[in-house]
Protein backbone atom coordinates (compact mmCIF):
# COMPACT_ATOMS: atom_id res chain seq x y z
CA MET A 1 -23.19 -65.26 -154.24
CA PHE A 2 -22.98 -61.56 -152.37
CA LYS A 3 -25.81 -59.49 -151.03
CA ALA A 4 -25.92 -56.44 -152.84
CA ARG A 5 -25.47 -52.93 -151.10
CA TRP A 6 -26.50 -50.01 -153.52
CA THR A 7 -25.23 -46.77 -153.30
CA ARG A 8 -27.95 -43.97 -154.27
CA ARG A 9 -26.16 -42.71 -157.72
CA ALA A 10 -25.56 -46.59 -158.23
CA THR A 11 -29.52 -47.22 -157.49
CA ALA A 12 -30.50 -43.59 -159.38
CA ASP A 13 -28.60 -45.32 -162.81
CA TYR A 14 -29.31 -48.73 -162.55
CA ASP A 15 -33.78 -47.34 -161.89
CA ASP A 16 -33.12 -44.62 -165.12
CA LEU A 17 -31.65 -47.40 -167.13
CA ARG A 18 -34.61 -49.76 -166.13
CA LYS A 19 -37.36 -46.58 -166.99
CA GLN A 20 -35.88 -45.71 -170.06
CA ALA A 21 -35.93 -49.52 -170.93
CA GLU A 22 -39.63 -49.65 -170.17
CA LYS A 23 -40.55 -46.81 -172.05
CA ALA A 24 -38.75 -48.02 -175.07
CA LEU A 25 -40.74 -51.29 -174.75
CA ALA A 26 -44.18 -49.95 -174.53
CA SER A 27 -43.78 -47.52 -177.37
CA ARG A 28 -42.27 -50.43 -179.61
CA ARG A 29 -45.36 -52.35 -178.54
CA SER A 30 -47.66 -49.68 -179.12
CA SER A 31 -45.99 -49.09 -182.72
CA GLY A 32 -46.20 -53.37 -183.72
CA LYS A 33 -42.26 -52.91 -184.07
CA GLY A 34 -40.62 -56.22 -183.15
CA LYS A 35 -37.31 -55.16 -183.00
CA THR A 36 -35.61 -54.46 -179.50
CA SER A 37 -34.82 -51.48 -179.10
CA ARG A 38 -31.05 -50.01 -178.21
CA GLN A 39 -32.17 -49.01 -174.47
CA GLU A 40 -33.97 -52.30 -173.81
CA GLY A 41 -30.72 -54.14 -174.85
CA LEU A 42 -28.74 -52.24 -173.09
CA PHE A 43 -30.68 -52.61 -169.93
CA LYS A 44 -30.92 -56.20 -169.96
CA GLN A 45 -26.86 -56.29 -170.64
CA ILE A 46 -26.72 -54.39 -167.37
CA HIS A 47 -29.08 -56.87 -165.57
CA LYS A 48 -27.16 -59.96 -166.70
CA ALA A 49 -23.71 -58.13 -165.65
CA VAL A 50 -25.17 -57.11 -162.21
CA ARG A 51 -26.31 -60.85 -161.56
CA LEU A 52 -23.12 -61.90 -163.10
CA LEU A 53 -21.12 -59.87 -160.45
CA LEU A 54 -22.85 -60.84 -157.29
CA ASN A 55 -22.15 -64.48 -158.38
CA ASN A 56 -18.42 -64.70 -159.60
CA PRO A 57 -17.19 -61.02 -159.56
CA LYS A 58 -14.17 -62.74 -161.35
CA HIS A 59 -16.70 -64.13 -163.98
CA PRO A 60 -14.03 -63.79 -167.35
CA SER A 61 -16.77 -61.68 -169.22
CA LEU A 62 -16.87 -58.74 -166.69
CA ASN A 63 -13.52 -58.25 -167.16
CA THR A 64 -13.26 -57.16 -163.79
CA HIS A 65 -10.08 -55.45 -162.61
CA LYS A 66 -9.19 -52.37 -160.09
CA PHE A 67 -10.06 -49.05 -160.29
CA GLU A 68 -8.12 -46.02 -159.07
CA SER A 69 -10.28 -42.60 -159.28
CA LEU A 70 -13.20 -44.21 -156.98
CA GLN A 71 -13.29 -44.29 -153.52
CA SER A 72 -15.26 -46.50 -151.61
CA PRO A 73 -18.34 -45.19 -149.84
CA PHE A 74 -17.31 -46.80 -146.56
CA ASP A 75 -13.42 -47.03 -146.31
CA GLU A 76 -10.79 -45.00 -148.45
CA ASN A 77 -8.08 -47.97 -148.47
CA ALA A 78 -10.53 -50.37 -149.48
CA ALA A 79 -9.89 -51.53 -153.54
CA VAL A 80 -12.36 -50.34 -156.23
CA PHE A 81 -13.63 -52.35 -158.88
CA GLU A 82 -14.81 -51.60 -162.76
CA ALA A 83 -16.94 -54.47 -164.29
CA TYR A 84 -17.28 -54.79 -167.79
CA ALA A 85 -21.34 -54.74 -168.88
CA GLN A 86 -20.45 -54.46 -172.25
CA ASN A 87 -17.20 -54.40 -174.28
CA ASP A 88 -16.15 -53.34 -177.41
CA THR A 89 -18.86 -50.46 -177.91
CA PRO A 90 -18.13 -46.57 -177.99
CA GLY A 91 -19.43 -45.67 -174.51
CA ALA A 92 -19.31 -49.24 -173.14
CA TYR A 93 -21.28 -49.08 -169.96
CA ARG A 94 -19.15 -49.93 -166.54
CA ILE A 95 -19.87 -51.41 -163.20
CA PHE A 96 -17.88 -49.57 -160.29
CA TRP A 97 -18.18 -51.54 -156.87
CA CYS A 98 -16.40 -52.84 -153.67
CA TYR A 99 -16.47 -55.43 -151.45
CA GLY A 100 -18.13 -54.66 -147.96
CA PRO A 101 -18.88 -53.27 -146.12
CA GLY A 102 -19.95 -56.37 -144.72
CA ARG A 103 -18.95 -60.66 -145.12
CA GLY A 104 -20.73 -61.42 -148.14
CA GLU A 105 -21.54 -57.92 -149.53
CA MET A 106 -20.84 -56.28 -152.50
CA THR A 107 -21.51 -52.12 -152.66
CA ILE A 108 -22.53 -51.56 -156.68
CA ILE A 109 -21.46 -47.44 -156.55
CA ALA A 110 -22.17 -46.52 -159.77
CA ILE A 111 -23.08 -47.88 -163.25
CA THR A 112 -22.16 -45.17 -166.18
CA PRO A 113 -21.14 -45.57 -169.85
CA HIS A 114 -17.10 -45.29 -170.59
CA PRO A 115 -15.99 -41.71 -171.02
């Protein structure tokens, strides 16, 4: 299992998604609706993907592969990877990450919807 390091952007992305899910949950509970909202489902998928990523970056459901358009925050020669938090969804969310900076560490760079 890898120890997670988060960039400021990744932390902000994750926290924003979490807050949206919490707000949607509170609204759903106050209105008495039973069906989970889109925001709640999205955050659950993101959280699960991060957990899988830290346990096994090569997990088949993550479809992890190199991503050439971003640079590692601490080593310009290090590879950056993209992992799927969602698949076959318009604007599906992706997690961008790299190994390091230390042994057994992984840095989450950003969590964004696919263009």
